[in-house]
Amino acid sequence: MEENKLRSGFTTGTCAAAAAKAAAVMLLTGGELEHMKLMTPKGTEAHLPLFHVVKSREMVSCAVKKDAGDDPDVTNQALIFASVEYGKEQEEGGTKKYYSWYGEETGGSPLFLTSGEGIGLVTKPGLSCPVGMPAINPVPRSMIFQGVEEARRDAGYEGPLNICIWIPEGRKLAEKTFNPKLGIEGGLSVLGTTGIVKPMSEEALTATIGLELHMKAVAGIKQVILTPGNYGEAFIKESLGLSMESGVTCSNFIGNALEMAAKEGFDRILFVGHIGKLIKVAGGVFNTHSKYGDRRMEILWDITSSLLKQSGQEDEELKHNILTANTMDEGVRMLKEYGILEPVMDEAVNRIQKFTSHWAGGIHVEVVTFSTVYGILGKSREAETFIRLFTGETEHTDMDKQEDET
């Protein structure tokens, strides 16, 4: 089994942070580096070779080659460049847009981060980066700033530094992504939440999910939590107070995971996920990977429209706004302002429960969906009872009795 294990890689954010830290170290110390070590948010140390080092008295640049492991990432083997130069306070209104960071202490000289060729600029609201700014997401930004700050602190330098990230192939590679549709123009996004890229081979992933479910079933476990990914895992731990020891991460293979759970004989499933993923399930999407299409806003409007029609209402402006919204959080905000968020989410949860129960062969499935901005958006009728089951507050025998009575 170990021989067939897929190899993980490092995110674009990790590569950018390693290149930026290496450039800062070489600028501030005058030294030569061939590799750079960096700790990822996941707690894994990245030890990455450097390419194309260019040095001068005022600036150093270098590159890290993206290694996505066995994941079929479009950025795999792309060169991620970073430069660091001695800087000064940036003035508002300039042609370059900078993120600034003042470190742990107040009153220190800032670090400034911008982008060059191949990094996209955000043109629509609702993403993790403000409109008009480089598409360098919050976690990678933090990693870049912290790496350069560590280099600055170790060198005893207190002045400002300018950091620039660029990907020469980024504009071309971005055409193979959803960036143009999302409103990110001119290149790629610098992404990553854990710093690690987990392999996404469909056959290997479904086999891993099946193995995890099988091991729990063999151990005599009769109930399981399913969630698509990192957002769900964090929410389950932090907001629901549950342990992922009772859970299995199913990635985009939601329908497959539910079918496998049925074969393993589970009798209860708590399905928890971000609305951006689960809204697809409400439309009957078996595998939610974007390569099979992105119908999130169409499904959200279908649910909203059905409720409006029931009350004899129509709203073309709301329809247009939802169908052209950039993210689910943006769509949720519109529904909240319109005053119909709760019934729309209730109906979404009902549809999610209908499809998941069908794929699970009639296993009792309860659903919780949430947004990182708005928190819990919807729960199915007995979801709270399932949550107490996983915390130990409700015994199986009590639930069996309640279900027999109903």
Protein backbone atom coordinates (compact mmCIF):
# COMPACT_ATOMS: atom_id res chain seq x y z
CA MET A 1 0.00 0.00 0.00
CA GLU A 2 2.83 2.42 0.86
CA GLU A 3 4.45 1.84 -2.53
CA ASN A 4 1.35 3.22 -4.27
CA LYS A 5 1.01 6.25 -2.02
CA LEU A 6 0.90 9.46 -4.05
CA ARG A 7 3.50 12.13 -3.40
CA SER A 8 2.40 15.49 -2.01
CA GLY A 9 3.79 18.76 -3.31
CA PHE A 10 3.98 22.41 -2.31
CA THR A 11 1.53 25.20 -3.12
CA THR A 12 2.29 28.23 -5.22
CA GLY A 13 2.19 30.23 -1.99
CA THR A 14 4.92 28.09 -0.40
CA CYS A 15 7.12 28.48 -3.49
CA ALA A 16 6.62 32.25 -3.55
CA ALA A 17 7.38 32.54 0.17
CA ALA A 18 10.54 30.43 -0.12
CA ALA A 19 11.80 32.48 -3.07
CA ALA A 20 11.06 35.76 -1.28
CA LYS A 21 12.76 34.68 1.93
CA ALA A 22 15.82 33.44 0.01
CA ALA A 23 16.06 36.72 -1.91
CA ALA A 24 15.82 38.68 1.34
CA VAL A 25 18.52 36.60 3.04
CA MET A 26 20.92 37.03 0.12
CA LEU A 27 20.22 40.78 -0.15
CA LEU A 28 20.71 41.48 3.54
CA THR A 29 23.70 39.19 4.15
CA GLY A 30 25.44 39.20 0.78
CA GLY A 31 25.61 35.41 0.98
CA GLU A 32 24.94 32.76 -1.64
CA LEU A 33 22.12 30.24 -1.31
CA GLU A 34 21.21 27.16 -3.33
CA HIS A 35 18.22 26.04 -1.23
CA MET A 36 15.74 27.62 1.15
CA LYS A 37 13.98 26.04 4.11
CA LEU A 38 10.50 27.19 5.05
CA MET A 39 7.89 25.89 7.49
CA THR A 40 4.41 25.56 6.00
CA PRO A 41 1.20 26.29 7.94
CA LYS A 42 0.61 22.51 7.91
CA GLY A 43 3.81 22.06 9.95
CA THR A 44 5.77 20.44 7.12
CA GLU A 45 9.20 21.83 6.34
CA ALA A 46 9.79 22.72 2.71
CA HIS A 47 13.40 22.44 1.52
CA LEU A 48 13.35 23.93 -1.96
CA PRO A 49 16.14 24.45 -4.51
CA LEU A 50 16.67 27.93 -5.98
CA PHE A 51 17.03 28.85 -9.65
CA HIS A 52 18.03 31.94 -11.64
CA VAL A 53 19.62 33.87 -8.78
CA VAL A 54 20.43 37.45 -9.79
CA LYS A 55 22.18 39.75 -7.32
CA SER A 56 23.01 43.42 -7.10
CA ARG A 57 23.71 45.79 -4.22
CA GLU A 58 20.11 47.00 -4.16
CA MET A 59 18.09 43.95 -5.21
CA VAL A 60 18.18 40.14 -5.34
CA SER A 61 15.82 37.90 -7.28
CA CYS A 62 15.51 34.14 -7.55
CA ALA A 63 12.99 31.44 -8.43
CA VAL A 64 11.55 28.24 -7.01
CA LYS A 65 10.21 25.58 -9.36
CA LYS A 66 6.69 24.51 -8.43
CA ASP A 67 6.53 20.83 -7.54
CA ALA A 68 2.90 19.77 -7.17
CA GLY A 69 3.83 16.17 -6.37
CA ASP A 70 1.48 13.73 -8.08
CA ASP A 71 -1.28 16.32 -8.37
CA PRO A 72 -2.23 17.26 -11.97
CA ASP A 73 -1.83 20.99 -11.23
CA VAL A 74 -1.53 23.34 -14.23
CA THR A 75 1.25 25.22 -12.40
CA ASN A 76 3.39 22.11 -11.85
CA GLN A 77 7.04 22.81 -12.82
CA ALA A 78 6.35 26.52 -13.35
CA LEU A 79 8.99 28.93 -12.05
CA ILE A 80 7.77 31.18 -9.24
CA PHE A 81 10.01 34.27 -9.00
CA ALA A 82 10.51 36.71 -6.15
CA SER A 83 12.65 39.81 -5.81
CA VAL A 84 13.48 41.80 -2.69
CA GLU A 85 14.97 45.27 -2.79
CA TYR A 86 15.71 48.05 -0.36
CA GLY A 87 12.67 50.28 -0.32
CA LYS A 88 11.01 53.35 1.02
CA GLU A 89 7.52 54.23 2.18
CA GLN A 90 5.10 53.69 -0.71
CA GLU A 91 2.88 56.57 -1.73
CA GLU A 92 -0.85 56.13 -2.28
CA GLY A 93 -2.07 56.54 -5.83
CA GLY A 94 0.96 55.04 -7.54
CA THR A 95 0.70 52.73 -10.51
CA LYS A 96 1.81 49.74 -8.44
CA LYS A 97 -0.57 48.27 -5.86
CA TYR A 98 1.12 47.09 -2.68
CA TYR A 99 0.11 45.03 0.33
CA SER A 100 1.89 46.34 3.41
CA TRP A 101 2.84 44.58 6.63
CA TYR A 102 4.24 46.00 9.83
CA GLY A 103 5.16 42.76 11.53
CA GLU A 104 4.62 41.75 15.11
CA GLU A 105 5.65 45.08 16.60
CA THR A 106 3.90 48.40 16.01
CA GLY A 107 5.88 51.32 14.68
CA GLY A 108 8.37 49.21 12.70
CA SER A 109 9.34 49.80 9.09
CA PRO A 110 6.89 48.07 6.78
CA LEU A 111 7.36 45.42 4.16
CA PHE A 112 5.64 45.99 0.83
CA LEU A 113 4.38 43.22 -1.46
CA THR A 114 3.34 43.59 -5.08
CA SER A 115 3.19 41.47 -8.22
CA GLY A 116 4.75 41.36 -11.66
CA GLU A 117 4.13 39.48 -14.88
CA GLY A 118 1.83 36.47 -14.70
CA ILE A 119 0.08 37.28 -11.41
CA GLY A 120 -3.55 38.24 -11.92
CA LEU A 121 -5.27 41.36 -10.65
CA VAL A 122 -8.67 41.12 -8.94
CA THR A 123 -11.45 42.90 -10.84
CA LYS A 124 -14.58 41.62 -9.08
CA PRO A 125 -15.66 41.74 -5.41
CA GLY A 126 -16.17 38.66 -3.26
CA LEU A 127 -12.70 37.12 -3.46
CA SER A 128 -10.05 36.89 -0.74
CA CYS A 129 -8.21 39.90 -2.21
CA PRO A 130 -9.60 43.43 -2.65
CA VAL A 131 -10.54 44.67 -6.10
CA GLY A 132 -7.56 46.20 -7.88
CA MET A 133 -5.01 44.25 -5.87
CA PRO A 134 -2.72 41.38 -6.91
CA ALA A 135 -4.32 37.94 -6.53
CA ILE A 136 -2.02 36.83 -3.72
CA ASN A 137 -4.29 35.17 -1.17
CA PRO A 138 -4.14 35.87 2.58
CA VAL A 139 -2.25 32.75 3.70
CA PRO A 140 0.47 33.06 1.01
CA ARG A 141 0.74 36.80 1.79
CA SER A 142 1.31 36.00 5.43
CA MET A 143 3.89 33.33 4.58
CA ILE A 144 5.77 35.73 2.29
CA PHE A 145 5.78 38.53 4.83
CA GLN A 146 6.79 36.28 7.72
CA GLY A 147 9.62 34.70 5.72
CA VAL A 148 11.06 38.07 4.70
CA GLU A 149 10.56 39.47 8.20
CA GLU A 150 12.49 36.53 9.65
CA ALA A 151 15.33 37.25 7.22
CA ARG A 152 15.25 40.95 8.14
CA ARG A 153 15.25 40.22 11.86
CA ASP A 154 18.11 37.71 11.61
CA ALA A 155 20.18 40.23 9.65
CA GLY A 156 19.47 43.03 12.12
CA TYR A 157 18.01 45.26 9.39
CA GLU A 158 15.10 47.51 10.36
CA GLY A 159 14.39 49.41 7.16
CA PRO A 160 11.57 48.84 4.63
CA LEU A 161 11.84 46.25 1.89
CA ASN A 162 9.91 45.86 -1.36
CA ILE A 163 8.88 42.35 -2.43
CA CYS A 164 7.65 41.41 -5.90
CA ILE A 165 6.27 38.02 -7.00
CA TRP A 166 5.91 37.02 -10.64
CA ILE A 167 5.33 33.91 -12.78
CA PRO A 168 6.58 34.27 -16.38
CA GLU A 169 4.17 31.59 -17.68
CA GLY A 170 1.31 32.78 -15.51
CA ARG A 171 -0.75 34.61 -18.11
CA LYS A 172 -0.78 31.58 -20.43
CA LEU A 173 -1.40 29.07 -17.63
CA ALA A 174 -4.28 31.14 -16.25
CA GLU A 175 -6.23 30.46 -19.44
CA LYS A 176 -6.54 26.84 -18.24
CA THR A 177 -8.09 27.91 -14.91
CA PHE A 178 -11.34 29.57 -13.78
CA ASN A 179 -9.51 32.85 -13.07
CA PRO A 180 -10.94 34.75 -16.06
CA LYS A 181 -14.47 33.79 -15.04
CA LEU A 182 -13.82 34.73 -11.41
CA GLY A 183 -12.63 38.18 -12.41
CA ILE A 184 -8.89 37.66 -11.98
CA GLU A 185 -7.27 39.14 -15.05
CA GLY A 186 -3.78 38.85 -16.47
CA GLY A 187 -2.50 35.77 -14.73
CA LEU A 188 -2.64 33.21 -11.95
CA SER A 189 -3.54 33.47 -8.28
CA VAL A 190 -0.97 32.72 -5.59
CA LEU A 191 -2.90 30.17 -3.56
CA GLY A 192 -2.65 27.79 -0.62
CA THR A 193 -4.15 27.34 2.84
CA THR A 194 -1.85 24.66 4.26
CA GLY A 195 1.22 25.14 2.07
CA ILE A 196 0.91 21.55 0.90
CA VAL A 197 -0.64 20.21 -2.32
CA LYS A 198 -2.39 16.90 -1.77
CA PRO A 199 -2.49 14.63 -4.85
CA MET A 200 -5.82 14.62 -6.62
CA SER A 201 -5.67 11.45 -8.71
CA GLU A 202 -9.31 10.35 -8.85
CA GLU A 203 -8.60 6.64 -8.61
CA ALA A 204 -6.16 7.06 -5.74
CA LEU A 205 -8.39 9.49 -3.86
CA THR A 206 -11.51 7.37 -4.08
CA ALA A 207 -9.47 4.35 -2.99
CA THR A 208 -8.17 6.29 0.01
CA ILE A 209 -11.67 7.46 0.94
CA GLY A 210 -12.96 3.91 0.63
CA LEU A 211 -10.12 2.58 2.79
CA GLU A 212 -10.81 5.15 5.53
CA LEU A 213 -14.50 4.26 5.56
CA HIS A 214 -13.70 0.53 5.55
CA MET A 215 -11.33 0.86 8.52
CA LYS A 216 -13.96 2.69 10.54
CA ALA A 217 -16.58 0.08 9.65
CA VAL A 218 -14.27 -2.79 10.61
CA ALA A 219 -13.71 -1.05 13.94
CA GLY A 220 -17.45 -1.31 14.57
CA ILE A 221 -18.26 2.36 13.99
CA LYS A 222 -21.79 2.88 12.71
CA GLN A 223 -21.84 6.64 12.16
CA VAL A 224 -19.45 8.92 10.29
CA ILE A 225 -18.92 12.58 9.45
CA LEU A 226 -18.26 13.39 5.79
CA THR A 227 -16.83 16.73 4.62
CA PRO A 228 -15.33 17.81 1.29
CA GLY A 229 -12.13 19.51 2.49
CA ASN A 230 -10.08 21.92 4.60
CA TYR A 231 -12.85 24.46 5.23
CA GLY A 232 -15.17 21.72 6.43
CA GLU A 233 -12.53 20.16 8.66
CA ALA A 234 -11.79 23.49 10.32
CA PHE A 235 -15.50 24.24 10.81
CA ILE A 236 -16.18 20.79 12.28
CA LYS A 237 -13.42 21.26 14.85
CA GLU A 238 -13.78 24.93 15.67
CA SER A 239 -17.52 25.60 15.34
CA LEU A 240 -19.15 22.23 15.99
CA GLY A 241 -16.60 21.05 18.54
CA LEU A 242 -16.26 17.63 16.91
CA SER A 243 -13.20 15.52 16.25
CA MET A 244 -12.22 14.47 12.76
CA GLU A 245 -11.40 11.07 14.25
CA SER A 246 -15.05 10.41 13.48
CA GLY A 247 -14.75 11.98 10.05
CA VAL A 248 -13.59 11.29 6.53
CA THR A 249 -12.60 13.98 4.04
CA CYS A 250 -14.18 13.09 0.71
CA SER A 251 -12.86 15.95 -1.49
CA ASN A 252 -15.09 16.36 -4.56
CA PHE A 253 -16.08 12.68 -4.54
CA ILE A 254 -19.23 13.21 -2.53
CA GLY A 255 -21.48 10.80 -4.38
CA ASN A 256 -18.78 8.11 -4.42
CA ALA A 257 -18.15 8.51 -0.69
CA LEU A 258 -21.84 8.15 0.14
CA GLU A 259 -22.14 5.03 -2.04
CA MET A 260 -19.09 3.50 -0.35
CA ALA A 261 -20.49 4.37 3.09
CA ALA A 262 -23.65 2.49 2.17
CA LYS A 263 -21.66 -0.60 1.14
CA GLU A 264 -19.77 -0.49 4.45
CA GLY A 265 -23.02 -0.58 6.42
CA PHE A 266 -23.01 2.78 8.20
CA ASP A 267 -26.39 3.77 9.54
CA ARG A 268 -25.92 7.52 10.13
CA ILE A 269 -23.95 10.19 8.27
CA LEU A 270 -23.44 13.82 9.24
CA PHE A 271 -22.58 15.71 6.05
CA VAL A 272 -20.89 19.08 6.69
CA GLY A 273 -19.54 21.49 4.10
CA HIS A 274 -19.06 25.01 2.84
CA ILE A 275 -22.02 26.30 0.85
CA GLY A 276 -19.74 26.95 -2.13
CA LYS A 277 -19.33 23.20 -2.49
CA LEU A 278 -22.66 21.97 -1.12
CA ILE A 279 -24.79 24.18 -3.35
CA LYS A 280 -23.65 21.95 -6.22
CA VAL A 281 -24.95 18.93 -4.31
CA ALA A 282 -28.30 20.72 -4.02
CA GLY A 283 -28.37 20.60 -7.82
CA GLY A 284 -27.68 16.86 -7.90
CA VAL A 285 -23.99 17.19 -8.82
CA PHE A 286 -22.40 13.83 -7.98
CA ASN A 287 -18.75 14.97 -8.29
CA THR A 288 -18.23 18.65 -7.45
CA HIS A 289 -14.86 19.18 -9.16
CA SER A 290 -14.87 22.32 -11.31
CA LYS A 291 -13.79 20.34 -14.39
CA TYR A 292 -17.29 18.88 -14.48
CA GLY A 293 -18.74 22.38 -14.64
CA ASP A 294 -19.58 25.24 -12.31
CA ARG A 295 -23.34 25.67 -11.83
CA ARG A 296 -23.27 27.19 -8.35
CA MET A 297 -25.06 30.43 -9.13
CA GLU A 298 -27.54 28.77 -11.48
CA ILE A 299 -28.49 26.29 -8.74
CA LEU A 300 -28.75 29.07 -6.15
CA TRP A 301 -31.03 31.05 -8.43
CA ASP A 302 -33.15 27.96 -9.22
CA ILE A 303 -33.83 27.53 -5.50
CA THR A 304 -34.45 31.25 -4.99
CA SER A 305 -36.72 31.48 -8.03
CA SER A 306 -38.85 28.54 -6.93
CA LEU A 307 -39.50 30.21 -3.57
CA LEU A 308 -40.28 33.59 -5.14
CA LYS A 309 -42.75 31.99 -7.54
CA GLN A 310 -44.54 30.29 -4.65
CA SER A 311 -45.29 33.73 -3.22
CA GLY A 312 -46.14 35.19 -6.63
CA GLN A 313 -42.96 37.26 -6.84
CA GLU A 314 -40.43 37.87 -9.57
CA ASP A 315 -37.27 39.95 -9.44
CA GLU A 316 -35.17 40.29 -12.58
CA GLU A 317 -32.58 42.46 -10.86
CA LEU A 318 -32.00 39.86 -8.13
CA LYS A 319 -31.81 37.16 -10.80
CA HIS A 320 -29.17 39.10 -12.73
CA ASN A 321 -27.17 39.88 -9.58
CA ILE A 322 -27.12 36.28 -8.36
CA LEU A 323 -26.29 34.77 -11.75
CA THR A 324 -23.37 37.21 -12.20
CA ALA A 325 -22.13 37.00 -8.60
CA ASN A 326 -18.49 36.08 -8.24
CA THR A 327 -18.72 33.86 -5.16
CA MET A 328 -21.31 32.11 -3.03
CA ASP A 329 -20.57 34.53 -0.17
CA GLU A 330 -21.58 37.35 -2.49
CA GLY A 331 -24.77 35.51 -3.39
CA VAL A 332 -25.51 34.86 0.29
CA ARG A 333 -25.04 38.57 1.03
CA MET A 334 -27.60 39.48 -1.65
CA LEU A 335 -30.17 37.02 -0.29
CA LYS A 336 -29.58 38.31 3.22
CA GLU A 337 -30.16 41.90 2.10
CA TYR A 338 -33.28 40.80 0.19
CA GLY A 339 -34.61 39.13 3.34
CA ILE A 340 -34.97 35.59 2.00
CA LEU A 341 -31.67 33.97 2.98
CA GLU A 342 -33.19 31.67 5.61
CA PRO A 343 -35.90 30.06 3.44
CA VAL A 344 -33.49 29.71 0.51
CA MET A 345 -30.93 27.94 2.70
CA ASP A 346 -33.65 25.75 4.22
CA GLU A 347 -34.68 24.61 0.74
CA ALA A 348 -31.02 24.15 -0.27
CA VAL A 349 -30.46 21.91 2.75
CA ASN A 350 -33.61 19.93 1.92
CA ARG A 351 -32.31 19.29 -1.60
CA ILE A 352 -28.83 18.40 -0.35
CA GLN A 353 -30.36 15.93 2.10
CA LYS A 354 -32.53 14.41 -0.63
CA PHE A 355 -29.63 13.75 -3.00
CA THR A 356 -27.16 12.58 -0.34
CA SER A 357 -29.69 10.19 1.17
CA HIS A 358 -30.39 8.77 -2.29
CA TRP A 359 -26.68 8.27 -3.06
CA ALA A 360 -26.21 6.69 0.36
CA GLY A 361 -28.87 4.09 -0.37
CA GLY A 362 -31.31 5.38 2.21
CA ILE A 363 -28.84 5.81 5.09
CA HIS A 364 -30.02 8.51 7.49
CA VAL A 365 -28.09 11.63 6.41
CA GLU A 366 -28.24 14.98 8.19
CA VAL A 367 -26.71 18.15 6.73
CA VAL A 368 -24.95 21.28 7.99
CA THR A 369 -23.78 23.97 5.60
CA PHE A 370 -21.91 27.17 6.41
CA SER A 371 -20.00 30.14 5.08
CA THR A 372 -16.66 31.36 6.41
CA VAL A 373 -18.13 34.87 6.33
CA TYR A 374 -21.67 34.27 7.64
CA GLY A 375 -21.26 31.13 9.76
CA ILE A 376 -23.93 28.42 9.81
CA LEU A 377 -26.39 28.94 6.98
CA GLY A 378 -28.57 25.87 7.29
CA LYS A 379 -29.14 22.65 9.21
CA SER A 380 -31.43 19.75 8.43
CA ARG A 381 -34.10 18.86 10.97
CA GLU A 382 -32.13 16.37 13.07
CA ALA A 383 -28.62 17.69 12.46
CA GLU A 384 -28.34 19.00 16.01
CA THR A 385 -29.19 15.56 17.38
CA PHE A 386 -26.48 14.02 15.19
CA ILE A 387 -23.96 16.57 16.45
CA ARG A 388 -24.79 15.60 20.05
CA LEU A 389 -24.36 11.97 19.06
CA PHE A 390 -20.78 12.64 17.97
CA THR A 391 -20.04 14.60 21.15
CA GLY A 392 -21.42 11.77 23.26
CA GLU A 393 -24.32 13.82 24.64
CA THR A 394 -26.84 11.53 22.92
CA GLU A 395 -26.63 7.74 23.07
CA HIS A 396 -27.33 5.52 20.06
CA THR A 397 -30.05 3.72 21.99
CA ASP A 398 -31.85 7.01 22.60
CA MET A 399 -31.69 7.91 18.93
CA ASP A 400 -32.83 4.44 17.87
CA LYS A 401 -35.81 4.76 20.19
CA GLN A 402 -36.68 8.21 18.83
CA GLU A 403 -36.45 6.98 15.24
CA ASP A 404 -38.61 3.92 16.03
CA GLU A 405 -41.25 6.22 17.54
CA THR A 406 -41.28 8.43 14.45
